[in-house]
Amino acid sequence: MPPFSSPPLAAPPIVTAANANPISGTRYARLRMMDAALESAWRRGWAERPTLDPDALIRKAAIKVGQVADQRGSGWRERLTLLCADLESVAALTPLGRTIAHGQLVAALSNRMRFQALWRRHGEIAEQPVTAPIIIVGQMRSGTTRMQRLLACDPRLAFTRFYESWNPIPQTPKRGGIDDRKLRGWLGLCSARLLNPAFDAIHPTRWDAADEEIGLQSLSIFGSAFEAQWRVPTYCAAVEADDGIAVYAEFRQLLQTIAWLRSEDASRPWILKVPQFSQDLAAVLHTFPDARLICLHRDSRQVIASSASLVRNQMAIQSAHVDPLWIGREWSRKVALRDERTAAARARSDAPQVDVAFEDVDRDWEGEMARVYRMLDLPLPPAVIARMRDYTQRSRSGRHARHLYRADEFGLPASMKGEGGERHTPYGRLLGGCEAAPPAVHAV
């Protein structure tokens, strides 16, 4: 790269007595150098400043994919407008943050256009069954990933892989062909780790591991993937006010698409896991009326502290101003809202369901999984238990990771779990606090 001067940039993340900067030392300097390089390249005309204008983002995605955008559907176009306005006026994006936001939104819109084009060409995808899915319902940082990956050890169940969540549609959709999604998933994960080395401590994964379907919701410009990176209050309010019915209809279609692309037996129940489900459970049950629910519980104080730490970690990479006290208040509010909505939806539902406590899984994961399988009316054979044990042993022998934070940094009581560091990842205590990226547990 040609030499550049460091232009005046927005102020670095605010550091107060209540906010120990989560990014420091060499890593902080590297991010600021990237900001300076980007700003210099834009100023000198070496690169175009990434746009966050919604119409321009749609045009760029359409040119990239070679498709015309269909702006009907789940209200995604209106949410995109609100999100872009918040990114410009509230989120205080750094040059790197602006570049990341632009790239994520163009990718989401491109995937959406590929998805719509594929359905126009292959109406038979709509016949793909999604039967009696197993819905994991729980707050962010409540052990939902742990539950999903233990269940994913069972070859009788289907699950979404990391690369499928974030890249659900191949660039050249064709069953049985070379799947570019795998390379894109691997590259995306490498980029995330390069920019955010704490990623593996907070959410260890692999490109082919069982993972949450949060990426599918991004195609509808919906869900908390954006809220967990940027301060976008107007967008957040719109998502919370949406009944989610149209969004989860698209979500189901995307699951059908993934299953169709796999060309495999579609009779296996699908394990579904997104923390957003706890906010939208009524819509989830409307979309999947034969669902079975595994409802996870963890002390709300611990959930809030760990969630706030995750959000601050991501915001500090992309925003010039990060207010940990606001993050603590906001995620305290969101956790309460999600608890309230989950309880209301469960009270109205007769779906088979089981409650599982975070601490009980820590203490006796085999006993808790036996309870889960009784609710599912499935035998738990020794071979599956052996797979689960093998998985936990592989993880236990992996490299050490600690998710470090202090609850009082977010204006939360210091007694909340996590002060002095949490071995979470989110099943860290189950595995003795040592965590490796989860293996690909069975072929799909």
Protein backbone atom coordinates (compact mmCIF):
# COMPACT_ATOMS: atom_id res chain seq x y z
CA MET A 1 0.00 0.00 0.00
CA PRO A 2 1.34 3.47 -0.85
CA PRO A 3 2.36 5.54 2.17
CA PHE A 4 -0.42 7.60 3.68
CA SER A 5 -0.81 10.27 6.27
CA SER A 6 -3.18 9.79 9.17
CA PRO A 7 -6.04 12.25 8.72
CA PRO A 8 -8.06 13.46 11.68
CA LEU A 9 -10.46 10.66 12.56
CA ALA A 10 -13.46 10.41 14.81
CA ALA A 11 -12.61 10.03 18.46
CA PRO A 12 -11.68 6.54 19.62
CA PRO A 13 -14.12 4.56 21.76
CA ILE A 14 -14.91 6.48 24.93
CA VAL A 15 -12.95 5.22 27.92
CA THR A 16 -14.19 6.10 31.39
CA ALA A 17 -13.84 4.56 34.81
CA ALA A 18 -16.86 2.46 33.98
CA ASN A 19 -15.53 1.45 30.57
CA ALA A 20 -12.24 -0.37 30.32
CA ASN A 21 -11.57 -0.28 26.59
CA PRO A 22 -12.05 -3.85 25.31
CA ILE A 23 -9.60 -3.21 22.47
CA SER A 24 -6.13 -2.13 23.44
CA GLY A 25 -2.46 -2.37 22.58
CA THR A 26 -1.36 -3.73 19.22
CA ARG A 27 -4.87 -4.69 18.16
CA TYR A 28 -6.25 -1.21 18.82
CA ALA A 29 -3.36 0.35 16.90
CA ARG A 30 -3.94 -2.02 13.98
CA LEU A 31 -7.62 -1.07 13.76
CA ARG A 32 -6.82 2.63 13.85
CA MET A 33 -4.23 2.15 11.09
CA MET A 34 -6.89 0.45 8.99
CA ASP A 35 -9.23 3.38 9.61
CA ALA A 36 -6.54 5.84 8.60
CA ALA A 37 -5.68 3.86 5.47
CA LEU A 38 -9.31 3.70 4.38
CA GLU A 39 -9.91 7.40 5.02
CA SER A 40 -6.77 8.30 3.10
CA ALA A 41 -7.73 6.08 0.15
CA TRP A 42 -11.17 7.68 -0.05
CA ARG A 43 -9.79 11.21 0.22
CA ARG A 44 -7.23 10.63 -2.52
CA GLY A 45 -9.71 8.95 -4.86
CA TRP A 46 -7.98 5.55 -4.75
CA ALA A 47 -11.20 3.92 -3.58
CA GLU A 48 -14.84 4.90 -3.41
CA ARG A 49 -16.28 5.73 -0.01
CA PRO A 50 -18.78 2.92 0.74
CA THR A 51 -22.34 4.12 0.45
CA LEU A 52 -25.03 3.47 3.02
CA ASP A 53 -27.80 4.86 0.84
CA PRO A 54 -30.44 2.11 0.64
CA ASP A 55 -31.22 2.64 -3.05
CA ALA A 56 -27.53 2.55 -3.94
CA LEU A 57 -27.03 -0.63 -1.91
CA ILE A 58 -29.91 -2.29 -3.74
CA ARG A 59 -28.52 -1.21 -7.13
CA LYS A 60 -25.07 -2.53 -6.28
CA ALA A 61 -26.46 -5.88 -5.17
CA ALA A 62 -28.61 -6.11 -8.32
CA ILE A 63 -25.59 -5.45 -10.55
CA LYS A 64 -23.52 -7.99 -8.63
CA VAL A 65 -26.15 -10.71 -8.93
CA GLY A 66 -27.60 -9.77 -12.31
CA GLN A 67 -31.13 -9.74 -10.94
CA VAL A 68 -33.83 -7.13 -10.46
CA ALA A 69 -34.74 -6.53 -6.83
CA ASP A 70 -38.26 -7.53 -5.81
CA GLN A 71 -39.14 -4.98 -3.15
CA ARG A 72 -42.29 -6.75 -2.02
CA GLY A 73 -42.39 -9.19 0.84
CA SER A 74 -41.59 -9.03 4.52
CA GLY A 75 -41.10 -5.28 4.95
CA TRP A 76 -37.36 -5.59 4.37
CA ARG A 77 -37.20 -2.43 2.25
CA GLU A 78 -38.66 -0.25 5.00
CA ARG A 79 -36.35 -1.77 7.61
CA LEU A 80 -33.36 -1.21 5.31
CA THR A 81 -34.20 2.49 5.12
CA LEU A 82 -34.42 2.75 8.91
CA LEU A 83 -31.24 0.78 9.43
CA CYS A 84 -29.24 2.90 6.98
CA ALA A 85 -30.50 6.10 8.57
CA ASP A 86 -29.39 4.89 12.00
CA LEU A 87 -26.01 3.83 10.62
CA GLU A 88 -25.46 7.31 9.22
CA SER A 89 -26.78 9.36 12.14
CA VAL A 90 -26.49 7.31 15.33
CA ALA A 91 -24.00 4.44 15.04
CA ALA A 92 -20.87 6.66 14.84
CA LEU A 93 -19.20 4.26 12.42
CA THR A 94 -15.46 4.39 11.89
CA PRO A 95 -14.14 4.02 8.32
CA LEU A 96 -13.70 0.30 8.98
CA GLY A 97 -17.19 0.10 10.47
CA ARG A 98 -18.67 1.82 7.44
CA THR A 99 -16.86 -0.60 5.14
CA ILE A 100 -18.09 -3.61 7.13
CA ALA A 101 -21.68 -2.32 7.24
CA HIS A 102 -21.69 -1.68 3.49
CA GLY A 103 -20.30 -5.14 2.78
CA GLN A 104 -22.75 -6.91 5.07
CA LEU A 105 -25.77 -5.16 3.60
CA VAL A 106 -24.73 -5.72 -0.01
CA ALA A 107 -24.13 -9.39 0.81
CA ALA A 108 -27.54 -9.73 2.49
CA LEU A 109 -29.31 -8.05 -0.43
CA SER A 110 -27.40 -10.15 -2.97
CA ASN A 111 -28.36 -13.33 -1.14
CA ARG A 112 -31.95 -12.16 -1.07
CA MET A 113 -31.99 -11.61 -4.82
CA ARG A 114 -30.41 -15.03 -5.49
CA PHE A 115 -32.98 -16.61 -3.18
CA GLN A 116 -35.91 -15.00 -5.00
CA ALA A 117 -34.49 -15.89 -8.42
CA LEU A 118 -33.97 -19.52 -7.41
CA TRP A 119 -37.59 -19.82 -6.24
CA ARG A 120 -38.82 -18.35 -9.52
CA ARG A 121 -36.89 -21.02 -11.43
CA HIS A 122 -37.63 -23.95 -9.14
CA GLY A 123 -41.15 -23.85 -7.77
CA GLU A 124 -40.71 -27.41 -6.51
CA ILE A 125 -38.66 -26.10 -3.59
CA ALA A 126 -41.96 -25.13 -1.97
CA GLU A 127 -42.78 -28.85 -1.67
CA GLN A 128 -39.74 -29.47 0.53
CA PRO A 129 -41.02 -30.50 3.98
CA VAL A 130 -39.90 -28.96 7.26
CA THR A 131 -41.45 -31.41 9.69
CA ALA A 132 -41.69 -31.11 13.48
CA PRO A 133 -38.58 -28.96 13.94
CA ILE A 134 -36.85 -28.83 17.30
CA ILE A 135 -36.83 -25.17 18.32
CA ILE A 136 -34.24 -24.10 20.89
CA VAL A 137 -35.62 -21.05 22.68
CA GLY A 138 -33.39 -19.00 24.93
CA GLN A 139 -31.75 -15.67 25.47
CA MET A 140 -28.40 -14.85 23.94
CA ARG A 141 -25.66 -16.33 26.18
CA SER A 142 -28.05 -18.79 27.84
CA GLY A 143 -26.47 -21.99 26.49
CA THR A 144 -28.42 -22.30 23.25
CA THR A 145 -25.28 -23.08 21.25
CA ARG A 146 -24.29 -25.81 23.68
CA MET A 147 -27.72 -27.44 23.35
CA GLN A 148 -27.70 -27.18 19.56
CA ARG A 149 -24.30 -28.79 19.19
CA LEU A 150 -25.06 -31.62 21.57
CA LEU A 151 -28.21 -32.38 19.56
CA ALA A 152 -26.22 -32.08 16.33
CA CYS A 153 -24.25 -35.16 17.42
CA ASP A 154 -27.35 -37.19 16.55
CA PRO A 155 -27.34 -38.24 12.86
CA ARG A 156 -31.13 -38.61 12.98
CA LEU A 157 -31.44 -34.81 13.24
CA ALA A 158 -30.63 -32.09 10.69
CA PHE A 159 -28.99 -28.75 11.39
CA THR A 160 -27.77 -25.62 9.64
CA ARG A 161 -24.03 -25.17 9.17
CA PHE A 162 -22.23 -21.87 9.62
CA TYR A 163 -21.59 -21.41 5.91
CA GLU A 164 -25.23 -22.15 5.05
CA SER A 165 -26.53 -19.59 7.51
CA TRP A 166 -24.48 -16.71 6.15
CA ASN A 167 -24.38 -17.89 2.51
CA PRO A 168 -27.63 -19.80 1.98
CA ILE A 169 -27.62 -19.50 -1.82
CA PRO A 170 -24.64 -20.44 -4.04
CA GLN A 171 -23.54 -17.79 -6.51
CA THR A 172 -24.46 -20.25 -9.27
CA PRO A 173 -27.28 -22.25 -7.67
CA LYS A 174 -27.13 -25.80 -8.96
CA ARG A 175 -27.74 -29.02 -7.08
CA GLY A 176 -24.70 -31.26 -6.94
CA GLY A 177 -22.26 -28.70 -8.35
CA ILE A 178 -19.25 -27.03 -6.78
CA ASP A 179 -20.48 -25.25 -3.66
CA ASP A 180 -18.84 -21.83 -3.42
CA ARG A 181 -20.65 -21.22 -0.12
CA LYS A 182 -18.09 -23.34 1.73
CA LEU A 183 -15.18 -21.19 0.60
CA ARG A 184 -17.10 -18.01 1.30
CA GLY A 185 -18.01 -19.28 4.76
CA TRP A 186 -14.40 -20.16 5.52
CA LEU A 187 -13.12 -16.80 4.27
CA GLY A 188 -15.80 -14.93 6.23
CA LEU A 189 -14.85 -16.72 9.42
CA CYS A 190 -11.15 -16.01 8.84
CA SER A 191 -11.96 -12.32 8.37
CA ALA A 192 -14.02 -12.23 11.56
CA ARG A 193 -11.17 -13.76 13.53
CA LEU A 194 -8.62 -11.39 12.01
CA LEU A 195 -10.64 -8.31 12.94
CA ASN A 196 -11.88 -9.67 16.25
CA PRO A 197 -9.60 -12.23 17.94
CA ALA A 198 -12.07 -12.39 20.84
CA PHE A 199 -14.63 -13.97 18.49
CA ASP A 200 -13.47 -17.50 19.31
CA ALA A 201 -13.72 -16.91 23.05
CA ILE A 202 -17.25 -15.55 22.72
CA HIS A 203 -18.62 -17.88 20.04
CA PRO A 204 -16.23 -20.62 18.86
CA THR A 205 -17.28 -22.23 15.61
CA ARG A 206 -16.07 -23.63 12.32
CA TRP A 207 -17.19 -22.98 8.78
CA ASP A 208 -18.87 -26.40 8.65
CA ALA A 209 -20.08 -26.64 12.26
CA ALA A 210 -23.68 -26.59 13.43
CA ASP A 211 -24.56 -22.94 13.98
CA GLU A 212 -27.51 -20.64 14.46
CA GLU A 213 -29.65 -19.43 11.58
CA ILE A 214 -29.13 -15.74 12.38
CA GLY A 215 -27.65 -15.22 8.92
CA LEU A 216 -30.92 -16.26 7.29
CA GLN A 217 -32.73 -13.45 9.06
CA SER A 218 -30.33 -10.90 7.58
CA LEU A 219 -31.88 -11.56 4.15
CA SER A 220 -35.08 -10.07 5.53
CA ILE A 221 -33.13 -7.18 7.13
CA PHE A 222 -34.40 -8.46 10.42
CA GLY A 223 -33.13 -9.71 13.75
CA SER A 224 -30.48 -8.81 16.25
CA ALA A 225 -27.36 -9.54 14.18
CA PHE A 226 -27.34 -5.84 13.27
CA GLU A 227 -28.33 -4.65 16.76
CA ALA A 228 -25.43 -6.58 18.29
CA GLN A 229 -22.92 -4.70 16.10
CA TRP A 230 -24.25 -1.16 15.84
CA ARG A 231 -26.35 1.30 17.81
CA VAL A 232 -29.47 1.41 15.62
CA PRO A 233 -32.45 2.31 17.85
CA THR A 234 -35.02 3.15 15.17
CA TYR A 235 -34.35 -0.08 13.31
CA CYS A 236 -34.49 -1.98 16.60
CA ALA A 237 -37.87 -0.49 17.46
CA ALA A 238 -39.24 -1.45 14.04
CA VAL A 239 -38.10 -5.06 14.46
CA GLU A 240 -39.66 -5.25 17.91
CA ALA A 241 -42.95 -3.81 16.59
CA ASP A 242 -43.14 -6.29 13.68
CA ASP A 243 -45.30 -9.37 14.29
CA GLY A 244 -42.71 -11.43 12.40
CA ILE A 245 -45.23 -13.51 10.44
CA ALA A 246 -43.96 -12.53 6.97
CA VAL A 247 -40.33 -12.69 8.08
CA TYR A 248 -40.63 -16.23 9.41
CA ALA A 249 -42.48 -17.32 6.27
CA GLU A 250 -39.31 -16.31 4.40
CA PHE A 251 -37.21 -18.02 7.06
CA ARG A 252 -39.06 -21.28 6.40
CA GLN A 253 -38.56 -20.87 2.65
CA LEU A 254 -34.83 -20.46 3.22
CA LEU A 255 -34.73 -23.69 5.24
CA GLN A 256 -36.55 -25.42 2.38
CA THR A 257 -33.98 -23.99 -0.02
CA ILE A 258 -31.03 -25.28 2.01
CA ALA A 259 -32.64 -28.73 2.24
CA TRP A 260 -33.35 -28.75 -1.51
CA LEU A 261 -29.76 -27.81 -2.32
CA ARG A 262 -28.52 -30.69 -0.16
CA SER A 263 -30.55 -33.24 -2.18
CA GLU A 264 -30.95 -35.34 0.95
CA ASP A 265 -33.60 -37.06 3.02
CA ALA A 266 -35.90 -34.28 4.19
CA SER A 267 -37.65 -36.34 6.83
CA ARG A 268 -35.12 -35.63 9.60
CA PRO A 269 -36.30 -33.05 12.14
CA TRP A 270 -34.37 -29.80 11.93
CA ILE A 271 -32.67 -28.31 15.00
CA LEU A 272 -33.31 -24.56 14.87
CA LYS A 273 -31.60 -22.07 17.13
CA VAL A 274 -31.58 -18.27 17.04
CA PRO A 275 -31.76 -16.17 20.23
CA GLN A 276 -34.17 -13.91 18.31
CA PHE A 277 -36.75 -16.71 18.67
CA SER A 278 -37.24 -15.65 22.28
CA GLN A 279 -38.51 -12.27 21.02
CA ASP A 280 -40.63 -13.71 18.20
CA LEU A 281 -41.83 -17.03 19.59
CA ALA A 282 -45.47 -16.39 18.65
CA ALA A 283 -44.47 -15.97 14.98
CA VAL A 284 -42.14 -18.98 15.14
CA LEU A 285 -44.97 -21.20 16.42
CA HIS A 286 -47.33 -19.81 13.78
CA THR A 287 -44.81 -20.76 11.10
CA PHE A 288 -43.97 -24.18 12.57
CA PRO A 289 -47.19 -25.37 14.25
CA ASP A 290 -45.77 -28.87 14.84
CA ALA A 291 -42.60 -27.60 16.53
CA ARG A 292 -41.14 -29.04 19.74
CA LEU A 293 -39.61 -26.50 22.15
CA ILE A 294 -36.48 -26.77 24.27
CA CYS A 295 -36.63 -23.71 26.53
CA LEU A 296 -33.33 -22.74 28.12
CA HIS A 297 -32.96 -20.68 31.29
CA ARG A 298 -30.09 -18.84 32.88
CA ASP A 299 -30.07 -16.19 35.58
CA SER A 300 -31.07 -12.98 33.79
CA ARG A 301 -28.30 -11.01 35.51
CA GLN A 302 -25.71 -13.36 34.03
CA VAL A 303 -27.37 -13.23 30.60
CA ILE A 304 -27.37 -9.41 30.61
CA ALA A 305 -23.73 -9.06 31.68
CA SER A 306 -22.47 -11.58 29.13
CA SER A 307 -24.66 -10.16 26.33
CA ALA A 308 -23.51 -6.61 27.06
CA SER A 309 -19.89 -7.73 26.86
CA LEU A 310 -20.47 -9.40 23.49
CA VAL A 311 -22.21 -6.32 22.08
CA ARG A 312 -19.51 -3.93 23.32
CA ASN A 313 -16.80 -6.13 21.84
CA GLN A 314 -18.39 -5.92 18.39
CA MET A 315 -19.31 -2.24 18.58
CA ALA A 316 -15.80 -1.23 19.63
CA ILE A 317 -14.40 -2.59 16.37
CA GLN A 318 -16.76 -0.58 14.19
CA SER A 319 -17.88 2.52 16.11
CA ALA A 320 -16.03 5.62 17.21
CA HIS A 321 -18.17 6.05 20.33
CA VAL A 322 -19.20 3.11 22.48
CA ASP A 323 -21.29 3.76 25.59
CA PRO A 324 -21.19 0.69 27.86
CA LEU A 325 -23.78 2.16 30.22
CA TRP A 326 -26.25 2.48 27.34
CA ILE A 327 -25.43 -1.09 26.28
CA GLY A 328 -26.17 -2.31 29.81
CA ARG A 329 -29.51 -0.48 29.90
CA GLU A 330 -30.51 -1.54 26.39
CA TRP A 331 -29.81 -5.22 26.85
CA SER A 332 -31.44 -5.22 30.27
CA ARG A 333 -34.56 -3.94 28.49
CA LYS A 334 -34.27 -6.46 25.65
CA VAL A 335 -33.78 -9.42 27.97
CA ALA A 336 -36.90 -8.42 29.93
CA LEU A 337 -38.90 -7.95 26.71
CA ARG A 338 -37.86 -11.36 25.40
CA ASP A 339 -38.66 -13.08 28.68
CA GLU A 340 -42.12 -11.50 28.65
CA ARG A 341 -42.85 -12.43 25.04
CA THR A 342 -41.58 -15.99 25.43
CA ALA A 343 -43.74 -16.54 28.50
CA ALA A 344 -46.82 -15.18 26.73
CA ALA A 345 -46.31 -17.31 23.62
CA ARG A 346 -45.68 -20.46 25.65
CA ALA A 347 -48.81 -19.88 27.72
CA ARG A 348 -50.90 -19.86 24.52
CA SER A 349 -49.21 -22.91 22.97
CA ASP A 350 -49.78 -26.63 23.41
CA ALA A 351 -46.49 -27.52 21.70
CA PRO A 352 -44.44 -30.26 23.40
CA GLN A 353 -41.79 -28.50 25.44
CA VAL A 354 -39.18 -28.97 28.13
CA ASP A 355 -37.39 -26.48 30.39
CA VAL A 356 -33.63 -26.82 30.82
CA ALA A 357 -31.51 -24.75 33.21
CA PHE A 358 -27.99 -23.64 32.30
CA GLU A 359 -26.66 -24.77 35.67
CA ASP A 360 -28.28 -28.20 35.39
CA VAL A 361 -26.56 -28.84 32.08
CA ASP A 362 -23.29 -27.76 33.68
CA ARG A 363 -23.85 -30.22 36.47
CA ASP A 364 -25.17 -33.23 34.52
CA TRP A 365 -25.44 -32.78 30.79
CA GLU A 366 -26.20 -36.45 30.18
CA GLY A 367 -29.13 -36.41 32.57
CA GLU A 368 -30.52 -33.22 31.01
CA MET A 369 -30.16 -34.60 27.48
CA ALA A 370 -32.07 -37.70 28.59
CA ARG A 371 -34.91 -35.38 29.70
CA VAL A 372 -34.81 -33.57 26.34
CA TYR A 373 -35.03 -36.83 24.42
CA ARG A 374 -37.99 -38.00 26.47
CA MET A 375 -39.84 -34.84 25.45
CA LEU A 376 -38.85 -35.47 21.83
CA ASP A 377 -40.10 -39.04 22.18
CA LEU A 378 -36.80 -40.29 20.77
CA PRO A 379 -34.60 -43.01 22.20
CA LEU A 380 -31.13 -41.86 23.19
CA PRO A 381 -28.96 -44.75 22.03
CA PRO A 382 -25.44 -45.41 23.33
CA ALA A 383 -23.94 -44.50 19.96
CA VAL A 384 -25.37 -40.96 20.15
CA ILE A 385 -24.25 -40.53 23.76
CA ALA A 386 -20.78 -41.64 22.65
CA ARG A 387 -20.78 -38.98 19.94
CA MET A 388 -21.73 -36.35 22.51
CA ARG A 389 -19.01 -37.51 24.88
CA ASP A 390 -16.48 -37.53 22.07
CA TYR A 391 -17.49 -34.01 21.15
CA THR A 392 -17.05 -32.75 24.70
CA GLN A 393 -13.70 -34.50 24.98
CA ARG A 394 -12.48 -32.95 21.73
CA SER A 395 -13.55 -29.54 22.97
CA ARG A 396 -11.97 -30.07 26.38
CA SER A 397 -8.62 -30.79 24.75
CA GLY A 398 -8.79 -27.64 22.62
CA ARG A 399 -7.05 -24.38 23.24
CA HIS A 400 -7.90 -22.30 26.30
CA ALA A 401 -10.24 -19.36 25.88
CA ARG A 402 -11.62 -16.83 28.33
CA HIS A 403 -14.39 -14.34 27.79
CA LEU A 404 -13.24 -11.51 30.06
CA TYR A 405 -15.47 -8.71 31.32
CA ARG A 406 -16.71 -6.94 34.42
CA ALA A 407 -20.42 -6.46 34.97
CA ASP A 408 -19.97 -3.04 36.57
CA GLU A 409 -18.46 -1.73 33.34
CA PHE A 410 -22.04 -1.70 32.02
CA GLY A 411 -23.63 -0.13 35.08
CA LEU A 412 -24.73 -3.56 36.26
CA PRO A 413 -24.27 -4.93 39.78
CA ALA A 414 -20.76 -6.30 40.23
CA SER A 415 -22.28 -9.49 41.63
CA MET A 416 -23.43 -10.47 38.17
CA LYS A 417 -21.62 -13.48 36.74
CA GLY A 418 -18.61 -12.65 34.64
CA GLU A 419 -16.78 -10.22 36.91
CA GLY A 420 -13.14 -11.15 36.56
CA GLY A 421 -13.83 -13.22 33.48
CA GLU A 422 -16.24 -15.88 32.31
CA ARG A 423 -15.22 -19.17 30.77
CA HIS A 424 -18.34 -19.23 28.71
CA THR A 425 -18.15 -19.90 24.97
CA PRO A 426 -21.25 -20.55 25.90
CA TYR A 427 -20.65 -24.04 27.28
CA GLY A 428 -17.29 -23.37 28.87
CA ARG A 429 -18.02 -24.64 32.35
CA LEU A 430 -19.40 -27.89 30.96
CA LEU A 431 -16.07 -28.45 29.30
CA GLY A 432 -13.89 -27.31 32.15
CA GLY A 433 -13.40 -23.84 30.68
CA CYS A 434 -11.23 -25.02 27.78
CA GLU A 435 -12.75 -24.69 24.38
CA ALA A 436 -11.84 -25.55 20.84
CA ALA A 437 -13.83 -24.85 17.73
CA PRO A 438 -16.49 -27.54 17.54
CA PRO A 439 -15.88 -30.35 15.09
CA ALA A 440 -18.14 -31.20 12.20
CA VAL A 441 -20.04 -33.83 14.11
CA HIS A 442 -21.62 -35.79 11.29
CA ALA A 443 -22.05 -35.59 7.58
CA VAL A 444 -25.07 -33.76 6.26
